[in-house]
Amino acid sequence: MSVRFTASASGVTVAGAPVLLDTSAAQCFSAALVAQGPPVVNAAQQEVSIR
């Protein structure tokens, strides 16, 4: 399984490298490179503690 992301038209970069956004388009492919549809991306937040 692999996922191919399409570069954003917004042109957002960090240190000159394009970044993935929550609006970035993507497509999943099987090992035989057969399209499997879009990925499901779940947002996760790690615990933040203030001391």
N, C-alpha and C. Protein backbone atom coordinates (compact mmCIF):
# COMPACT_ATOMS: atom_id res chain seq x y z
N MET A 1 0.83 -1.15 0.00
CA MET A 1 0.00 0.00 0.00
C MET A 1 0.88 1.22 0.00
N SER A 2 0.55 2.19 -0.82
CA SER A 2 1.25 3.47 -0.82
C SER A 2 0.21 4.57 -1.00
N VAL A 3 0.58 5.77 -0.59
CA VAL A 3 -0.28 6.93 -0.73
C VAL A 3 0.49 7.99 -1.48
N ARG A 4 -0.12 8.54 -2.50
CA ARG A 4 0.50 9.61 -3.27
C ARG A 4 -0.30 10.89 -3.05
N PHE A 5 0.40 11.91 -2.55
CA PHE A 5 -0.23 13.20 -2.32
C PHE A 5 0.05 14.12 -3.49
N THR A 6 -0.92 14.95 -3.83
CA THR A 6 -0.79 15.92 -4.90
C THR A 6 -0.37 17.26 -4.28
N ALA A 7 0.59 17.91 -4.88
CA ALA A 7 1.05 19.20 -4.37
C ALA A 7 -0.11 20.19 -4.35
N SER A 8 -0.15 20.96 -3.29
CA SER A 8 -1.20 21.95 -3.11
C SER A 8 -1.01 23.12 -4.08
N ALA A 9 -2.10 23.62 -4.61
CA ALA A 9 -2.05 24.77 -5.50
C ALA A 9 -1.76 26.06 -4.74
N SER A 10 -1.91 25.99 -3.40
CA SER A 10 -1.69 27.20 -2.59
C SER A 10 -0.22 27.58 -2.53
N GLY A 11 0.68 26.62 -2.79
CA GLY A 11 2.10 26.92 -2.80
C GLY A 11 2.70 27.11 -1.43
N VAL A 12 2.08 26.56 -0.38
CA VAL A 12 2.60 26.70 0.97
C VAL A 12 3.88 25.87 1.10
N THR A 13 4.94 26.51 1.59
CA THR A 13 6.21 25.82 1.77
C THR A 13 6.81 26.16 3.13
N VAL A 14 7.68 25.28 3.60
CA VAL A 14 8.46 25.52 4.81
C VAL A 14 9.91 25.25 4.42
N ALA A 15 10.74 26.25 4.59
CA ALA A 15 12.15 26.16 4.19
C ALA A 15 12.28 25.72 2.73
N GLY A 16 11.34 26.16 1.89
CA GLY A 16 11.38 25.86 0.47
C GLY A 16 10.78 24.53 0.06
N ALA A 17 10.33 23.71 1.03
CA ALA A 17 9.74 22.41 0.72
C ALA A 17 8.22 22.47 0.86
N PRO A 18 7.48 21.89 -0.09
CA PRO A 18 6.02 21.90 0.01
C PRO A 18 5.56 21.11 1.24
N VAL A 19 4.45 21.52 1.83
CA VAL A 19 3.93 20.85 3.02
C VAL A 19 2.58 20.23 2.74
N LEU A 20 2.23 19.21 3.51
CA LEU A 20 0.91 18.60 3.41
C LEU A 20 -0.06 19.37 4.30
N LEU A 21 -1.22 19.65 3.75
CA LEU A 21 -2.27 20.33 4.49
C LEU A 21 -3.45 19.38 4.65
N ASP A 22 -4.38 19.72 5.55
CA ASP A 22 -5.55 18.88 5.70
C ASP A 22 -6.43 18.88 4.45
N THR A 23 -6.17 19.80 3.54
CA THR A 23 -6.92 19.87 2.29
C THR A 23 -6.15 19.25 1.11
N SER A 24 -4.95 18.71 1.36
CA SER A 24 -4.15 18.10 0.30
C SER A 24 -4.87 16.88 -0.28
N ALA A 25 -4.87 16.77 -1.60
CA ALA A 25 -5.50 15.63 -2.27
C ALA A 25 -4.54 14.45 -2.26
N ALA A 26 -5.09 13.23 -2.11
CA ALA A 26 -4.26 12.03 -2.09
C ALA A 26 -5.02 10.84 -2.66
N GLN A 27 -4.26 9.83 -3.05
CA GLN A 27 -4.83 8.60 -3.60
C GLN A 27 -4.03 7.42 -3.06
N CYS A 28 -4.72 6.37 -2.60
CA CYS A 28 -4.06 5.14 -2.13
C CYS A 28 -3.91 4.18 -3.30
N PHE A 29 -2.79 3.42 -3.29
CA PHE A 29 -2.53 2.42 -4.32
C PHE A 29 -2.11 1.12 -3.66
N SER A 30 -2.54 0.00 -4.22
CA SER A 30 -2.13 -1.32 -3.73
C SER A 30 -0.69 -1.59 -4.16
N ALA A 31 -0.15 -2.72 -3.72
CA ALA A 31 1.21 -3.10 -4.11
C ALA A 31 1.33 -3.27 -5.63
N ALA A 32 0.21 -3.61 -6.29
CA ALA A 32 0.19 -3.77 -7.74
C ALA A 32 -0.12 -2.45 -8.45
N LEU A 33 -0.08 -1.33 -7.68
CA LEU A 33 -0.35 0.02 -8.19
C LEU A 33 -1.76 0.19 -8.73
N VAL A 34 -2.72 -0.51 -8.12
CA VAL A 34 -4.13 -0.36 -8.46
C VAL A 34 -4.72 0.67 -7.50
N ALA A 35 -5.40 1.68 -8.05
CA ALA A 35 -5.98 2.73 -7.22
C ALA A 35 -7.00 2.15 -6.25
N GLN A 36 -6.93 2.58 -4.98
CA GLN A 36 -7.81 2.06 -3.94
C GLN A 36 -8.72 3.13 -3.35
N GLY A 37 -8.59 4.37 -3.80
CA GLY A 37 -9.43 5.45 -3.28
C GLY A 37 -8.64 6.36 -2.37
N PRO A 38 -9.30 7.38 -1.84
CA PRO A 38 -8.60 8.34 -0.99
C PRO A 38 -8.33 7.77 0.40
N PRO A 39 -7.26 8.23 1.05
CA PRO A 39 -6.97 7.77 2.40
C PRO A 39 -7.90 8.44 3.42
N VAL A 40 -8.06 7.79 4.55
CA VAL A 40 -8.80 8.39 5.66
C VAL A 40 -7.76 8.84 6.67
N VAL A 41 -7.71 10.14 6.91
CA VAL A 41 -6.72 10.70 7.82
C VAL A 41 -7.44 11.20 9.06
N ASN A 42 -7.03 10.67 10.21
CA ASN A 42 -7.61 11.09 11.47
C ASN A 42 -6.67 12.06 12.16
N ALA A 43 -7.23 13.17 12.61
CA ALA A 43 -6.42 14.14 13.34
C ALA A 43 -6.16 13.60 14.75
N ALA A 44 -4.96 13.79 15.22
CA ALA A 44 -4.61 13.35 16.57
C ALA A 44 -3.83 14.46 17.25
N GLN A 45 -4.10 14.61 18.53
CA GLN A 45 -3.36 15.61 19.30
C GLN A 45 -2.72 14.90 20.47
N GLN A 46 -1.42 15.11 20.60
CA GLN A 46 -0.73 14.54 21.73
C GLN A 46 -1.00 15.38 22.96
N GLU A 47 -0.86 14.76 24.10
CA GLU A 47 -1.11 15.46 25.35
C GLU A 47 -0.13 16.62 25.52
N VAL A 48 -0.68 17.73 25.96
CA VAL A 48 0.15 18.91 26.21
C VAL A 48 0.08 19.22 27.69
N SER A 49 1.22 19.32 28.33
CA SER A 49 1.23 19.66 29.75
C SER A 49 2.03 20.94 29.97
N ILE A 50 1.48 21.78 30.79
CA ILE A 50 2.14 23.05 31.12
C ILE A 50 2.63 22.96 32.55
N ARG A 51 3.89 23.26 32.73
CA ARG A 51 4.47 23.16 34.08
C ARG A 51 4.80 24.51 34.63
